[in-house]
Amino acid sequence: MLNDLLFLDLLGARPHEWLPESNVTETATQYRLDVDLPGVPRDQVNIANDDGVLSISGERTRPEDKGLRLESRFGKFQRRFRLPDGVVDQEINATHRDGLLTITIPKARSPGSRVIRIQD
């Protein structure tokens, strides 16, 4: 259930850190977590699953040139999400394109039900 994918860090940022915005969606077969990471290179992002807690961390560095007005936040970040029961953690997949980190979290396949016909 979507509500089971809990945000563990809603107010957990320290003053020198920032929390990238994220969106969680659900389909019949997977959860999808989109994290806004503009200006964060792929090699500065770390993702780990530790005992059902998905952690995303990294750093966005301040540009070297002097900015006249910098509204973006810089520094280290970390987001943590508790994964719901019934996900296939070995098949979690991530992509990073155009400042968007997308993590797909497959749901375990349930046996489902089917009608069994009696043969003549």
Protein backbone atom coordinates (compact mmCIF):
# COMPACT_ATOMS: atom_id res chain seq x y z
CA MET A 1 0.00 0.00 0.00
CA LEU A 2 1.29 3.45 -0.90
CA ASN A 3 0.92 4.77 2.63
CA ASP A 4 3.37 2.11 3.77
CA LEU A 5 6.23 3.82 1.92
CA LEU A 6 6.95 6.18 4.77
CA PHE A 7 9.13 9.24 4.73
CA LEU A 8 11.46 8.86 7.70
CA ASP A 9 13.03 12.29 7.45
CA LEU A 10 10.27 14.84 7.04
CA LEU A 11 11.88 17.21 9.52
CA GLY A 12 15.24 15.51 9.72
CA ALA A 13 17.46 17.91 7.78
CA ARG A 14 20.23 19.58 9.70
CA PRO A 15 20.74 23.32 9.04
CA HIS A 16 23.66 22.69 6.65
CA GLU A 17 21.74 20.10 4.66
CA TRP A 18 18.83 20.24 2.27
CA LEU A 19 16.05 17.81 1.43
CA PRO A 20 15.38 17.23 -2.24
CA GLU A 21 11.70 17.04 -3.09
CA SER A 22 10.28 13.63 -3.89
CA ASN A 23 7.12 12.04 -5.24
CA VAL A 24 5.92 8.50 -4.61
CA THR A 25 3.48 6.80 -6.96
CA GLU A 26 2.08 3.29 -7.07
CA THR A 27 0.87 0.95 -9.79
CA ALA A 28 -0.38 -2.61 -9.52
CA THR A 29 3.16 -3.95 -9.99
CA GLN A 30 5.53 -1.39 -8.47
CA TYR A 31 6.19 1.73 -6.45
CA ARG A 32 8.01 4.61 -8.11
CA LEU A 33 10.03 7.18 -6.25
CA ASP A 34 11.06 10.35 -8.12
CA VAL A 35 13.60 12.61 -6.42
CA ASP A 36 14.42 16.08 -7.78
CA LEU A 37 18.21 16.42 -7.94
CA PRO A 38 19.00 19.27 -10.35
CA GLY A 39 22.69 20.06 -10.44
CA VAL A 40 23.68 16.84 -8.67
CA PRO A 41 25.89 14.65 -10.86
CA ARG A 42 25.11 10.95 -10.98
CA ASP A 43 28.44 10.07 -9.33
CA GLN A 44 27.49 12.21 -6.30
CA VAL A 45 24.36 10.13 -5.51
CA ASN A 46 24.38 7.03 -3.30
CA ILE A 47 21.45 4.65 -2.85
CA ALA A 48 21.31 1.82 -0.31
CA ASN A 49 18.71 -0.54 1.12
CA ASP A 50 19.43 -1.47 4.71
CA ASP A 51 16.88 -3.66 6.52
CA GLY A 52 13.96 -2.26 4.55
CA VAL A 53 15.03 1.38 4.73
CA LEU A 54 15.94 2.94 1.38
CA SER A 55 18.53 5.71 1.82
CA ILE A 56 19.42 8.28 -0.82
CA SER A 57 22.33 10.58 -0.10
CA GLY A 58 24.73 12.84 -1.91
CA GLU A 59 25.94 16.37 -2.28
CA ARG A 60 25.29 19.37 -4.48
CA THR A 61 28.32 21.65 -4.55
CA ARG A 62 28.22 25.41 -4.79
CA PRO A 63 29.34 26.76 -8.18
CA GLU A 64 32.87 28.16 -8.27
CA ASP A 65 31.86 31.50 -9.76
CA LYS A 66 30.37 34.17 -7.52
CA GLY A 67 26.64 34.11 -7.75
CA LEU A 68 24.83 37.43 -7.52
CA ARG A 69 21.77 35.63 -6.25
CA LEU A 70 21.76 31.94 -5.29
CA GLU A 71 18.35 30.57 -4.32
CA SER A 72 19.34 26.93 -4.65
CA ARG A 73 20.47 25.02 -1.59
CA PHE A 74 23.87 23.37 -1.58
CA GLY A 75 25.61 20.80 0.55
CA LYS A 76 24.93 17.26 1.63
CA PHE A 77 21.51 15.69 1.64
CA GLN A 78 19.95 12.44 2.79
CA ARG A 79 16.44 11.07 2.34
CA ARG A 80 15.23 7.83 3.91
CA PHE A 81 12.11 5.83 3.11
CA ARG A 82 10.83 2.72 4.87
CA LEU A 83 9.90 0.15 2.26
CA PRO A 84 6.54 -1.60 2.65
CA ASP A 85 6.29 -5.34 3.09
CA GLY A 86 6.01 -7.33 -0.10
CA VAL A 87 8.60 -5.65 -2.30
CA VAL A 88 11.32 -7.42 -4.28
CA ASP A 89 14.38 -5.58 -3.00
CA GLN A 90 16.78 -7.50 -5.28
CA GLU A 91 15.04 -5.94 -8.29
CA ILE A 92 15.05 -2.28 -7.19
CA ASN A 93 16.28 -0.20 -10.12
CA ALA A 94 17.40 3.43 -10.41
CA THR A 95 17.98 5.89 -13.25
CA HIS A 96 19.28 9.47 -13.16
CA ARG A 97 18.37 11.73 -16.09
CA ASP A 98 18.01 15.48 -16.46
CA GLY A 99 18.16 16.11 -12.71
CA LEU A 100 15.56 13.48 -11.84
CA LEU A 101 16.43 10.33 -9.91
CA THR A 102 13.81 7.63 -10.53
CA ILE A 103 13.75 4.51 -8.38
CA THR A 104 11.40 1.67 -9.24
CA ILE A 105 10.55 -0.78 -6.48
CA PRO A 106 8.79 -3.91 -7.75
CA LYS A 107 6.04 -5.49 -5.69
CA ALA A 108 6.18 -9.22 -4.99
CA ARG A 109 3.93 -11.18 -7.28
CA SER A 110 0.97 -12.60 -5.45
CA PRO A 111 -0.25 -16.03 -6.41
CA GLY A 112 -3.56 -14.53 -7.44
CA SER A 113 -6.66 -16.54 -8.08
CA ARG A 114 -7.98 -18.33 -11.08
CA VAL A 115 -10.97 -20.42 -11.96
CA ILE A 116 -10.24 -24.11 -12.41
CA ARG A 117 -12.51 -25.81 -14.87
CA ILE A 118 -13.58 -29.37 -14.37
CA GLN A 119 -12.80 -31.36 -17.47
CA ASP A 120 -15.22 -33.88 -18.97
